[in-house]
Amino acid sequence: MKQAFKFPNRILKNIKAYLEREKRETEEKIKRVESEDPFADTDRLSDNASSDTDVKEQYGHARVTALKRELERTLVKIRKALTRIGVGKYGFCTRCGKMIDTDRLSVMPAADLCIDCANGGNSKENNKKNNKKENTSKK
């Protein structure tokens, strides 16, 4: 699908600056979260702590792992958005190729799917399918 619209450079410059800032902040958050991991403390290996302390460490490690995983996903989305800016494809859905609504991009600058694709496909198509299901179930 050929793209008929391209964001003005002055707007892309601001979006890129915002995403670069978000990237740096996310990388810093990942480092902070990693430092909070109780398993990162090498002294814990020689510590004969009680079982409740071990449970707290297990919980802390699971929490840190989940937070880190979510931050890494966010970082990947930001990097992909920066790449799309670089190659001139920013603002277009990576699935269907349609332009992503600017309101959506203003809330989620790293969005790579239009609202229809993010909701699992074309919303009009889904409404038609749901209406057919309701009509057939009434019979």
Protein backbone atom coordinates (compact mmCIF):
# COMPACT_ATOMS: atom_id res chain seq x y z
CA MET A 1 0.00 0.00 0.00
CA LYS A 2 1.43 3.36 -1.02
CA GLN A 3 1.54 6.01 1.69
CA ALA A 4 -0.08 9.26 0.58
CA PHE A 5 0.76 11.20 3.72
CA LYS A 6 3.95 11.84 5.63
CA PHE A 7 4.25 13.65 8.93
CA PRO A 8 5.94 17.05 8.70
CA ASN A 9 9.59 16.98 9.80
CA ARG A 10 9.01 19.50 12.60
CA ILE A 11 6.40 17.20 14.16
CA LEU A 12 8.56 14.11 13.67
CA LYS A 13 11.48 15.94 15.26
CA ASN A 14 9.44 16.53 18.43
CA ILE A 15 8.13 12.96 18.47
CA LYS A 16 11.63 11.61 17.97
CA ALA A 17 12.99 13.77 20.80
CA TYR A 18 10.19 12.57 23.08
CA LEU A 19 10.81 8.91 22.18
CA GLU A 20 14.58 9.30 22.68
CA ARG A 21 13.90 10.75 26.14
CA GLU A 22 11.50 7.89 26.93
CA LYS A 23 14.12 5.41 25.74
CA ARG A 24 16.77 6.83 28.08
CA GLU A 25 14.34 6.92 31.02
CA THR A 26 13.22 3.33 30.37
CA GLU A 27 16.83 2.13 30.18
CA GLU A 28 17.51 3.88 33.51
CA LYS A 29 14.41 2.28 35.05
CA ILE A 30 15.60 -1.15 33.92
CA LYS A 31 18.97 -0.58 35.65
CA ARG A 32 17.21 0.61 38.83
CA VAL A 33 14.87 -2.37 38.85
CA GLU A 34 17.77 -4.78 38.28
CA SER A 35 19.59 -3.30 41.28
CA GLU A 36 16.52 -4.01 43.45
CA ASP A 37 16.65 -7.73 42.69
CA PRO A 38 17.41 -9.56 45.93
CA PHE A 39 19.06 -12.33 43.89
CA ALA A 40 21.63 -9.79 42.65
CA ASP A 41 23.05 -9.55 46.19
CA THR A 42 25.96 -12.00 46.28
CA ASP A 43 25.98 -11.96 50.10
CA ARG A 44 22.61 -13.71 50.15
CA LEU A 45 24.29 -16.96 49.03
CA SER A 46 26.29 -17.20 52.26
CA ASP A 47 23.44 -15.93 54.43
CA ASN A 48 21.61 -18.61 56.37
CA ALA A 49 18.40 -16.66 56.52
CA SER A 50 15.12 -17.97 57.81
CA SER A 51 12.53 -19.39 55.45
CA ASP A 52 10.37 -16.25 55.63
CA THR A 53 13.33 -14.20 54.41
CA ASP A 54 13.79 -16.66 51.56
CA VAL A 55 10.12 -16.26 50.65
CA LYS A 56 10.51 -12.46 50.65
CA GLU A 57 13.54 -12.80 48.38
CA GLN A 58 11.62 -15.10 46.02
CA TYR A 59 8.73 -12.62 45.91
CA GLY A 60 11.11 -9.69 45.37
CA HIS A 61 12.86 -11.52 42.55
CA ALA A 62 9.54 -12.41 40.86
CA ARG A 63 8.39 -8.78 41.16
CA VAL A 64 11.65 -7.46 39.70
CA THR A 65 11.54 -10.00 36.87
CA ALA A 66 7.98 -9.00 35.93
CA LEU A 67 8.77 -5.27 36.05
CA LYS A 68 11.93 -5.74 34.02
CA ARG A 69 10.09 -7.79 31.39
CA GLU A 70 7.43 -5.07 31.01
CA LEU A 71 10.05 -2.31 30.79
CA GLU A 72 11.95 -4.29 28.15
CA ARG A 73 8.76 -4.63 26.09
CA THR A 74 8.25 -0.89 26.33
CA LEU A 75 11.85 -0.31 25.26
CA VAL A 76 11.39 -2.54 22.20
CA LYS A 77 8.25 -0.59 21.20
CA ILE A 78 10.11 2.71 21.56
CA ARG A 79 13.06 1.45 19.49
CA LYS A 80 10.71 0.19 16.76
CA ALA A 81 8.93 3.55 16.66
CA LEU A 82 12.28 5.34 16.32
CA THR A 83 13.20 2.98 13.49
CA ARG A 84 9.89 3.69 11.74
CA ILE A 85 10.61 7.41 12.02
CA GLY A 86 14.03 6.83 10.50
CA VAL A 87 12.70 4.90 7.51
CA GLY A 88 9.69 7.18 6.94
CA LYS A 89 6.98 4.73 8.03
CA TYR A 90 6.02 6.30 11.33
CA GLY A 91 2.29 6.72 11.85
CA PHE A 92 1.23 3.83 9.63
CA CYS A 93 -0.15 0.55 10.91
CA THR A 94 2.38 -2.25 10.60
CA ARG A 95 -0.41 -4.76 9.98
CA CYS A 96 -2.82 -3.14 7.51
CA GLY A 97 -0.78 -0.12 6.32
CA LYS A 98 -3.48 2.45 7.12
CA MET A 99 -2.60 5.66 8.88
CA ILE A 100 -2.82 5.48 12.67
CA ASP A 101 -5.15 8.10 14.11
CA THR A 102 -3.17 11.10 15.36
CA ASP A 103 -5.16 11.10 18.62
CA ARG A 104 -3.94 7.56 19.25
CA LEU A 105 -0.35 8.56 18.45
CA SER A 106 -0.55 11.58 20.75
CA VAL A 107 -1.46 9.25 23.63
CA MET A 108 0.79 6.35 22.56
CA PRO A 109 3.62 7.70 20.38
CA ALA A 110 5.14 4.22 20.05
CA ALA A 111 1.89 2.69 18.75
CA ASP A 112 2.46 0.50 15.71
CA LEU A 113 -1.13 -0.64 15.10
CA CYS A 114 -4.22 1.32 14.17
CA ILE A 115 -7.13 1.01 16.58
CA ASP A 116 -8.91 -1.54 14.38
CA CYS A 117 -5.92 -3.86 14.21
CA ALA A 118 -5.17 -3.35 17.91
CA ASN A 119 -8.72 -4.47 18.68
CA GLY A 120 -8.25 -7.66 16.70
CA GLY A 121 -9.23 -6.55 13.22
CA ASN A 122 -11.61 -4.21 11.51
CA SER A 123 -14.18 -3.11 14.08
CA LYS A 124 -16.96 -2.90 11.45
CA GLU A 125 -16.18 -6.47 10.39
CA ASN A 126 -16.26 -7.64 14.01
CA ASN A 127 -19.61 -5.90 14.56
CA LYS A 128 -21.07 -7.66 11.50
CA LYS A 129 -19.79 -11.03 12.76
CA ASN A 130 -21.21 -10.41 16.23
CA ASN A 131 -24.58 -9.39 14.77
CA LYS A 132 -24.69 -12.58 12.67
CA LYS A 133 -23.91 -14.68 15.75
CA GLU A 134 -26.70 -12.97 17.72
CA ASN A 135 -29.18 -13.46 14.87
CA THR A 136 -28.37 -17.15 14.46
CA SER A 137 -28.53 -17.80 18.20
CA LYS A 138 -32.04 -16.26 18.37
CA LYS A 139 -33.40 -18.72 15.80
